[in-house]
């Protein structure tokens, strides 16, 4: 019997935005690509999803219940994933 899949976190970001680069770098530096879906705010559908979740600042991380906005909040949330052994999103 296989373990249930962990929910994927969604990282809303802008390519040319330095705070977004900080968040993306954290994901790759900590090998969280299997847990974090990158969502580029250049696309209308992605921006719509971000706005529906209360988005106003990028980067932003959606964990299925809450939207964490700004690089510091995103990195802090991702650090919790790393510190918990990636068992709890």
N, C-alpha and C. Protein backbone atom coordinates (compact mmCIF):
# COMPACT_ATOMS: atom_id res chain seq x y z
N UNK A 1 0.84 -1.17 0.00
CA UNK A 1 0.00 0.00 0.00
C UNK A 1 0.89 1.24 0.00
N UNK A 2 0.63 2.14 -0.93
CA UNK A 2 1.46 3.35 -1.03
C UNK A 2 0.91 4.46 -0.15
N UNK A 3 1.81 5.34 0.26
CA UNK A 3 1.42 6.48 1.10
C UNK A 3 0.64 7.48 0.26
N UNK A 4 -0.30 8.19 0.87
CA UNK A 4 -1.05 9.19 0.10
C UNK A 4 -0.13 10.30 -0.35
N UNK A 5 -0.44 10.86 -1.51
CA UNK A 5 0.36 11.95 -2.02
C UNK A 5 0.20 13.18 -1.14
N UNK A 6 1.32 13.89 -0.94
CA UNK A 6 1.27 15.12 -0.17
C UNK A 6 0.71 16.23 -1.05
N UNK A 7 -0.01 17.15 -0.47
CA UNK A 7 -0.53 18.25 -1.28
C UNK A 7 0.60 19.09 -1.83
N UNK A 8 0.38 19.62 -3.00
CA UNK A 8 1.38 20.47 -3.63
C UNK A 8 1.12 21.92 -3.22
N UNK A 9 2.18 22.58 -2.83
CA UNK A 9 2.13 24.01 -2.53
C UNK A 9 2.25 24.76 -3.85
N UNK A 10 1.61 25.92 -3.94
CA UNK A 10 1.66 26.72 -5.16
C UNK A 10 2.42 28.01 -4.88
N UNK A 11 3.49 28.24 -5.63
CA UNK A 11 4.27 29.46 -5.49
C UNK A 11 3.93 30.40 -6.64
N UNK A 12 3.23 31.48 -6.33
CA UNK A 12 2.90 32.51 -7.30
C UNK A 12 4.08 33.47 -7.34
N UNK A 13 4.62 33.71 -8.54
CA UNK A 13 5.84 34.50 -8.66
C UNK A 13 5.87 35.29 -9.96
N UNK A 14 6.80 36.23 -10.00
CA UNK A 14 7.09 36.99 -11.22
C UNK A 14 8.56 36.78 -11.56
N UNK A 15 8.84 36.44 -12.80
CA UNK A 15 10.20 36.11 -13.23
C UNK A 15 11.20 37.22 -12.90
N UNK A 16 10.90 38.47 -13.21
CA UNK A 16 11.86 39.56 -13.05
C UNK A 16 11.86 40.18 -11.65
N UNK A 17 11.10 39.63 -10.74
CA UNK A 17 10.95 40.17 -9.40
C UNK A 17 11.99 39.57 -8.45
N UNK A 18 12.93 40.38 -7.90
CA UNK A 18 13.96 39.82 -7.01
C UNK A 18 13.40 39.04 -5.80
N UNK A 19 12.34 39.51 -5.11
CA UNK A 19 11.82 38.69 -4.02
C UNK A 19 11.28 37.34 -4.50
N UNK A 20 10.70 37.31 -5.70
CA UNK A 20 10.24 36.03 -6.26
C UNK A 20 11.43 35.11 -6.53
N UNK A 21 12.53 35.68 -7.00
CA UNK A 21 13.73 34.89 -7.24
C UNK A 21 14.24 34.27 -5.94
N UNK A 22 14.15 35.02 -4.85
CA UNK A 22 14.56 34.50 -3.54
C UNK A 22 13.73 33.27 -3.18
N UNK A 23 12.43 33.36 -3.38
CA UNK A 23 11.54 32.23 -3.06
C UNK A 23 11.82 31.04 -3.96
N UNK A 24 11.97 31.27 -5.26
CA UNK A 24 12.26 30.17 -6.19
C UNK A 24 13.58 29.50 -5.84
N UNK A 25 14.58 30.30 -5.50
CA UNK A 25 15.90 29.77 -5.14
C UNK A 25 15.80 28.89 -3.90
N UNK A 26 14.99 29.31 -2.91
CA UNK A 26 14.81 28.50 -1.71
C UNK A 26 14.24 27.13 -2.07
N UNK A 27 13.26 27.12 -2.95
CA UNK A 27 12.65 25.86 -3.38
C UNK A 27 13.69 24.94 -4.00
N UNK A 28 14.48 25.47 -4.92
CA UNK A 28 15.47 24.63 -5.61
C UNK A 28 16.63 24.25 -4.69
N UNK A 29 17.08 25.18 -3.86
CA UNK A 29 18.19 24.89 -2.94
C UNK A 29 17.84 23.82 -1.92
N UNK A 30 16.56 23.68 -1.60
CA UNK A 30 16.12 22.70 -0.61
C UNK A 30 15.39 21.51 -1.24
N UNK A 31 15.53 21.37 -2.56
CA UNK A 31 14.98 20.22 -3.29
C UNK A 31 13.49 20.02 -3.00
N UNK A 32 12.74 21.10 -3.07
CA UNK A 32 11.29 21.04 -2.82
C UNK A 32 10.47 21.06 -4.10
N UNK A 33 11.13 20.85 -5.23
CA UNK A 33 10.41 20.92 -6.50
C UNK A 33 9.27 19.91 -6.59
N UNK A 34 9.38 18.81 -5.87
CA UNK A 34 8.31 17.80 -5.89
C UNK A 34 7.11 18.23 -5.06
N UNK A 35 7.27 19.28 -4.26
CA UNK A 35 6.20 19.75 -3.37
C UNK A 35 5.64 21.10 -3.78
N UNK A 36 6.39 21.85 -4.59
CA UNK A 36 6.01 23.23 -4.90
C UNK A 36 5.81 23.38 -6.40
N UNK A 37 4.63 23.83 -6.76
CA UNK A 37 4.30 24.10 -8.16
C UNK A 37 4.53 25.59 -8.41
N UNK A 38 5.41 25.91 -9.35
CA UNK A 38 5.66 27.31 -9.70
C UNK A 38 4.52 27.81 -10.58
N UNK A 39 3.96 28.98 -10.23
CA UNK A 39 2.85 29.58 -10.97
C UNK A 39 3.27 31.00 -11.36
N UNK A 40 3.58 31.20 -12.62
CA UNK A 40 4.07 32.48 -13.13
C UNK A 40 2.89 33.44 -13.32
N UNK A 41 2.95 34.57 -12.63
CA UNK A 41 1.86 35.55 -12.67
C UNK A 41 1.74 36.29 -14.00
N UNK A 42 2.56 35.97 -14.95
CA UNK A 42 2.44 36.54 -16.30
C UNK A 42 1.17 36.05 -16.98
N UNK A 43 0.71 34.87 -16.60
CA UNK A 43 -0.44 34.26 -17.25
C UNK A 43 -1.74 34.66 -16.57
N UNK A 44 -2.74 35.01 -17.37
CA UNK A 44 -4.02 35.50 -16.86
C UNK A 44 -4.69 34.49 -15.92
N UNK A 45 -4.66 33.22 -16.28
CA UNK A 45 -5.30 32.18 -15.44
C UNK A 45 -4.62 32.09 -14.07
N UNK A 46 -3.30 32.20 -14.07
CA UNK A 46 -2.54 32.14 -12.81
C UNK A 46 -2.84 33.37 -11.97
N UNK A 47 -2.85 34.54 -12.62
CA UNK A 47 -3.16 35.77 -11.88
C UNK A 47 -4.57 35.71 -11.29
N UNK A 48 -5.50 35.16 -12.03
CA UNK A 48 -6.87 35.00 -11.54
C UNK A 48 -6.90 34.12 -10.29
N UNK A 49 -6.21 32.99 -10.32
CA UNK A 49 -6.15 32.10 -9.16
C UNK A 49 -5.53 32.81 -7.96
N UNK A 50 -4.47 33.56 -8.19
CA UNK A 50 -3.78 34.31 -7.14
C UNK A 50 -4.71 35.35 -6.52
N UNK A 51 -5.41 36.11 -7.36
CA UNK A 51 -6.34 37.13 -6.87
C UNK A 51 -7.49 36.50 -6.09
N UNK A 52 -8.00 35.36 -6.55
CA UNK A 52 -9.09 34.66 -5.86
C UNK A 52 -8.68 34.21 -4.46
N UNK A 53 -7.39 34.00 -4.27
CA UNK A 53 -6.87 33.57 -2.97
C UNK A 53 -6.48 34.77 -2.10
N UNK A 54 -6.73 35.98 -2.60
CA UNK A 54 -6.41 37.19 -1.83
C UNK A 54 -5.07 37.80 -2.16
N UNK A 55 -4.50 37.42 -3.27
CA UNK A 55 -3.17 37.88 -3.64
C UNK A 55 -3.08 39.38 -3.90
N UNK A 56 -2.02 39.97 -3.37
CA UNK A 56 -1.71 41.38 -3.64
C UNK A 56 -0.21 41.61 -3.66
N UNK A 57 0.58 40.65 -3.18
CA UNK A 57 2.03 40.79 -3.14
C UNK A 57 2.66 39.51 -3.68
N UNK A 58 3.72 39.67 -4.46
CA UNK A 58 4.46 38.49 -4.92
C UNK A 58 5.87 38.55 -4.32
N UNK A 59 6.42 37.39 -4.06
CA UNK A 59 5.85 36.07 -4.26
C UNK A 59 4.78 35.77 -3.21
N UNK A 60 4.01 34.74 -3.51
CA UNK A 60 2.99 34.28 -2.57
C UNK A 60 2.93 32.77 -2.64
N UNK A 61 2.70 32.14 -1.50
CA UNK A 61 2.65 30.69 -1.42
C UNK A 61 1.29 30.26 -0.88
N UNK A 62 0.57 29.46 -1.66
CA UNK A 62 -0.71 28.92 -1.26
C UNK A 62 -0.49 27.50 -0.76
N UNK A 63 -0.95 27.20 0.46
CA UNK A 63 -0.77 25.87 1.02
C UNK A 63 -2.08 25.07 1.07
N UNK A 64 -3.07 25.56 0.37
CA UNK A 64 -4.37 24.89 0.35
C UNK A 64 -5.37 25.50 1.31
N UNK A 65 -4.85 26.29 2.26
CA UNK A 65 -5.72 26.93 3.25
C UNK A 65 -5.42 28.41 3.41
N UNK A 66 -4.17 28.78 3.23
CA UNK A 66 -3.74 30.14 3.49
C UNK A 66 -2.74 30.60 2.43
N UNK A 67 -2.77 31.90 2.13
CA UNK A 67 -1.82 32.49 1.19
C UNK A 67 -0.80 33.29 1.97
N UNK A 68 0.45 32.89 1.88
CA UNK A 68 1.57 33.60 2.53
C UNK A 68 2.16 34.53 1.49
N UNK A 69 2.27 35.82 1.81
CA UNK A 69 2.69 36.81 0.82
C UNK A 69 3.96 37.53 1.24
N UNK A 70 4.83 37.75 0.26
CA UNK A 70 6.12 38.37 0.48
C UNK A 70 7.18 37.30 0.68
N UNK A 71 8.41 37.61 0.27
CA UNK A 71 9.49 36.63 0.31
C UNK A 71 9.74 36.09 1.71
N UNK A 72 9.71 36.95 2.73
CA UNK A 72 9.99 36.48 4.09
C UNK A 72 8.94 35.48 4.55
N UNK A 73 7.68 35.76 4.32
CA UNK A 73 6.61 34.86 4.74
C UNK A 73 6.66 33.55 3.96
N UNK A 74 6.95 33.63 2.67
CA UNK A 74 7.03 32.43 1.84
C UNK A 74 8.18 31.54 2.31
N UNK A 75 9.35 32.13 2.50
CA UNK A 75 10.51 31.35 2.94
C UNK A 75 10.27 30.76 4.32
N UNK A 76 9.66 31.52 5.22
CA UNK A 76 9.36 30.99 6.55
C UNK A 76 8.43 29.78 6.46
N UNK A 77 7.42 29.85 5.62
CA UNK A 77 6.49 28.72 5.45
C UNK A 77 7.20 27.52 4.84
N UNK A 78 8.05 27.77 3.84
CA UNK A 78 8.79 26.68 3.22
C UNK A 78 9.80 26.07 4.20
N UNK A 79 10.39 26.89 5.04
CA UNK A 79 11.33 26.39 6.04
C UNK A 79 10.62 25.43 6.99
N UNK A 80 9.37 25.71 7.31
CA UNK A 80 8.60 24.80 8.16
C UNK A 80 8.44 23.44 7.47
N UNK A 81 8.24 23.44 6.17
CA UNK A 81 8.14 22.19 5.42
C UNK A 81 9.45 21.43 5.51
N UNK A 82 10.56 22.12 5.33
CA UNK A 82 11.87 21.48 5.40
C UNK A 82 12.12 20.95 6.81
N UNK A 83 11.84 21.75 7.82
CA UNK A 83 12.11 21.35 9.21
C UNK A 83 11.24 20.22 9.70
N UNK A 84 10.08 20.04 9.11
CA UNK A 84 9.18 18.96 9.51
C UNK A 84 9.44 17.68 8.72
N UNK A 85 10.57 17.64 8.04
CA UNK A 85 10.89 16.45 7.28
C UNK A 85 10.00 16.25 6.08
N UNK A 86 9.35 17.33 5.65
CA UNK A 86 8.51 17.33 4.48
C UNK A 86 7.31 16.42 4.62
N UNK A 87 6.96 16.06 5.85
CA UNK A 87 5.80 15.21 6.07
C UNK A 87 4.53 16.00 6.22
N UNK A 88 4.63 17.27 6.55
CA UNK A 88 3.45 18.10 6.79
C UNK A 88 3.59 19.34 5.96
N UNK A 89 2.58 19.64 5.17
CA UNK A 89 2.64 20.89 4.38
C UNK A 89 1.91 21.90 5.16
